[in-house]
Protein backbone atom coordinates (compact mmCIF):
# COMPACT_ATOMS: atom_id res chain seq x y z
CA UNK A 1 1.81 -7.94 19.26
CA UNK A 2 -1.34 -6.85 20.16
CA UNK A 3 -4.33 -6.26 18.00
CA UNK A 4 -5.56 -2.95 16.56
CA UNK A 5 -7.21 -0.35 18.87
CA UNK A 6 -9.82 1.96 17.80
CA UNK A 7 -9.24 5.43 19.50
CA UNK A 8 -10.76 8.82 18.45
CA UNK A 9 -12.17 7.32 14.84
CA UNK A 10 -8.74 6.11 14.00
CA UNK A 11 -7.39 2.63 14.01
CA UNK A 12 -3.80 2.11 16.00
CA UNK A 13 -1.76 -0.60 15.22
CA UNK A 14 0.93 -1.45 17.16
CA UNK A 15 4.37 -2.06 15.18
CA UNK A 16 5.61 -5.77 14.83
CA UNK A 17 8.84 -6.21 17.29
CA UNK A 18 11.44 -6.21 14.24
CA UNK A 19 9.49 -2.93 12.61
CA UNK A 20 11.83 -0.01 12.64
CA UNK A 21 15.34 -1.43 13.40
CA UNK A 22 17.01 -0.70 10.34
CA UNK A 23 14.87 -2.56 7.84
CA UNK A 24 14.26 -0.60 4.32
CA UNK A 25 16.65 2.16 5.23
CA UNK A 26 15.37 5.39 4.05
CA UNK A 27 17.97 8.18 3.10
CA UNK A 28 15.70 10.50 4.76
CA UNK A 29 15.07 10.01 8.35
CA UNK A 30 11.95 12.71 8.56
CA UNK A 31 10.24 10.33 5.86
CA UNK A 32 10.77 7.47 7.58
CA UNK A 33 9.51 8.89 11.13
CA UNK A 34 6.31 9.96 9.17
CA UNK A 35 5.98 6.86 7.69
CA UNK A 36 6.08 4.84 10.71
CA UNK A 37 3.76 7.40 12.63
CA UNK A 38 1.14 6.84 9.72
CA UNK A 39 1.22 3.20 10.20
CA UNK A 40 0.58 3.46 13.79
CA UNK A 41 -2.37 5.72 12.99
CA UNK A 42 -4.53 4.35 10.11
CA UNK A 43 -8.10 4.50 8.94
CA UNK A 44 -9.93 1.04 9.25
CA UNK A 45 -10.23 0.84 5.06
CA UNK A 46 -6.57 0.90 5.32
CA UNK A 47 -6.38 -1.99 8.01
CA UNK A 48 -8.98 -3.98 6.04
CA UNK A 49 -7.17 -3.73 2.58
CA UNK A 50 -3.65 -4.31 4.35
CA UNK A 51 -4.89 -7.20 5.89
CA UNK A 52 -6.03 -8.51 2.49
CA UNK A 53 -2.97 -8.11 0.72
CA UNK A 54 0.09 -8.40 3.14
CA UNK A 55 2.60 -11.50 3.39
CA UNK A 56 1.81 -12.14 -0.44
CA UNK A 57 -1.80 -13.24 -0.13
CA UNK A 58 -2.69 -11.41 -3.49
CA UNK A 59 -1.10 -12.93 -6.37
CA UNK A 60 2.19 -13.88 -4.21
CA UNK A 61 2.90 -9.60 -4.69
CA UNK A 62 5.13 -8.45 -1.20
CA UNK A 63 3.55 -5.05 -0.28
CA UNK A 64 4.44 -2.54 1.98
CA UNK A 65 2.43 -0.42 4.12
CA UNK A 66 3.14 3.46 4.42
CA UNK A 67 6.26 3.09 2.16
CA UNK A 68 8.33 6.33 1.65
CA UNK A 69 8.85 7.31 -2.36
CA UNK A 70 10.49 10.69 -2.92
CA UNK A 71 8.58 13.31 -1.30
CA UNK A 72 5.59 11.08 -0.86
CA UNK A 73 4.37 8.15 1.00
CA UNK A 74 2.24 5.77 -0.16
CA UNK A 75 -0.57 3.67 1.60
CA UNK A 76 0.37 0.80 0.17
CA UNK A 77 3.24 -0.45 -2.53
CA UNK A 78 4.20 -3.53 -4.27
CA UNK A 79 7.66 -2.13 -4.67
CA UNK A 80 8.95 -4.73 -6.79
CA UNK A 81 6.30 -4.37 -9.08
CA UNK A 82 5.78 -0.65 -8.67
CA UNK A 83 2.49 -0.65 -7.99
CA UNK A 84 1.28 2.06 -5.85
CA UNK A 85 -2.23 1.72 -3.98
CA UNK A 86 -3.94 4.77 -2.35
CA UNK A 87 -7.08 4.76 -0.03
CA UNK A 88 -8.49 8.35 -0.14
CA UNK A 89 -10.60 9.86 2.75
CA UNK A 90 -12.79 12.86 2.27
CA UNK A 91 -9.61 15.54 2.35
CA UNK A 92 -8.77 14.19 -1.23
CA UNK A 93 -12.14 15.28 -2.48
CA UNK A 94 -12.07 18.97 -1.47
CA UNK A 95 -9.93 22.35 -1.68
CA UNK A 96 -6.65 21.45 -3.09
CA UNK A 97 -6.76 17.68 -2.65
CA UNK A 98 -7.81 17.06 -6.32
CA UNK A 99 -4.66 19.07 -7.38
CA UNK A 100 -2.28 17.62 -4.90
CA UNK A 101 -3.27 13.96 -5.90
CA UNK A 102 -2.95 14.67 -9.78
CA UNK A 103 0.55 16.25 -8.91
CA UNK A 104 1.57 13.35 -6.52
CA UNK A 105 0.22 10.81 -9.45
CA UNK A 106 1.93 12.33 -12.39
CA UNK A 107 5.28 12.36 -10.29
CA UNK A 108 4.66 8.67 -9.24
CA UNK A 109 3.88 7.66 -12.95
CA UNK A 110 6.95 9.66 -13.97
CA UNK A 111 8.77 7.17 -11.84
CA UNK A 112 7.62 4.33 -13.60
CA UNK A 113 4.98 3.48 -10.77
CA UNK A 114 1.40 2.55 -11.60
CA UNK A 115 -1.24 4.21 -9.27
CA UNK A 116 -4.56 2.93 -7.94
CA UNK A 117 -6.70 5.00 -6.06
CA UNK A 118 -9.74 3.76 -4.10
CA UNK A 119 -11.96 5.38 -1.63
CA UNK A 120 -12.49 4.48 1.97
CA UNK A 121 -16.25 3.54 1.25
CA UNK A 122 -15.16 1.51 -1.80
CA UNK A 123 -12.80 -0.59 0.13
CA UNK A 124 -14.99 -0.90 3.15
CA UNK A 125 -18.29 -1.92 1.18
CA UNK A 126 -16.37 -3.59 -1.74
CA UNK A 127 -13.39 -5.06 -0.69
CA UNK A 128 -13.41 -8.05 -3.18
CA UNK A 129 -14.32 -5.50 -6.04
CA UNK A 130 -11.08 -3.38 -4.90
CA UNK A 131 -9.03 -6.52 -4.61
CA UNK A 132 -10.02 -7.69 -8.24
CA UNK A 133 -8.88 -4.31 -9.64
CA UNK A 134 -5.55 -4.86 -7.91
CA UNK A 135 -5.51 -8.56 -9.08
CA UNK A 136 -5.86 -7.17 -12.79
CA UNK A 137 -3.11 -5.08 -12.59
CA UNK A 138 -0.64 -7.30 -10.68
CA UNK A 139 -1.42 -9.64 -13.71
CA UNK A 140 0.48 -6.87 -15.85
CA UNK A 141 3.55 -7.98 -14.15
CA UNK A 142 5.76 -11.09 -13.95
CA UNK A 143 5.40 -13.19 -11.04
CA UNK A 144 7.56 -12.33 -8.16
CA UNK A 145 8.66 -15.80 -7.37
CA UNK A 146 8.40 -17.65 -11.07
CA UNK A 147 8.97 -21.42 -10.97
CA UNK A 148 12.45 -22.44 -12.43
CA UNK A 149 12.38 -23.40 -16.18
CA UNK A 150 10.69 -27.03 -16.73
CA UNK A 151 9.31 -27.31 -13.35
CA UNK A 152 5.17 -27.05 -12.90
CA UNK A 153 4.99 -27.99 -16.50
CA UNK A 154 2.13 -30.49 -17.34
CA UNK A 155 3.81 -34.33 -17.71
């Protein structure tokens, strides 16, 4: 796999070799195709945050990128913990963007998801602050890989 490429202000990421071969099968092929396209063309803020949280790097949580959920596609999702992270660009603050975001958040929360929203500039200028907010949210959930009873205790 090669590294990201910037084209027309978008960061294009190649898919890992195994992606797209049936893992995490979705009932809706259209949403899956849309999610794959979004994974290939993403913002710099999304790339920076993804690189910081992937592979369990943050509190051991397993995050997925551009995860289909109902009629929506979540920017980042810790599926087992039902934590959705949205990284908002300018379109989220103009026109009907705020109303659509409120409707989406209400639906996700009704499904048991916690939604955290950050702006592109927040992620780019204050990544550590964004990560600390996510850590705080994750601490409200049980660890995804707890030690068996009796292990890890002080002697």
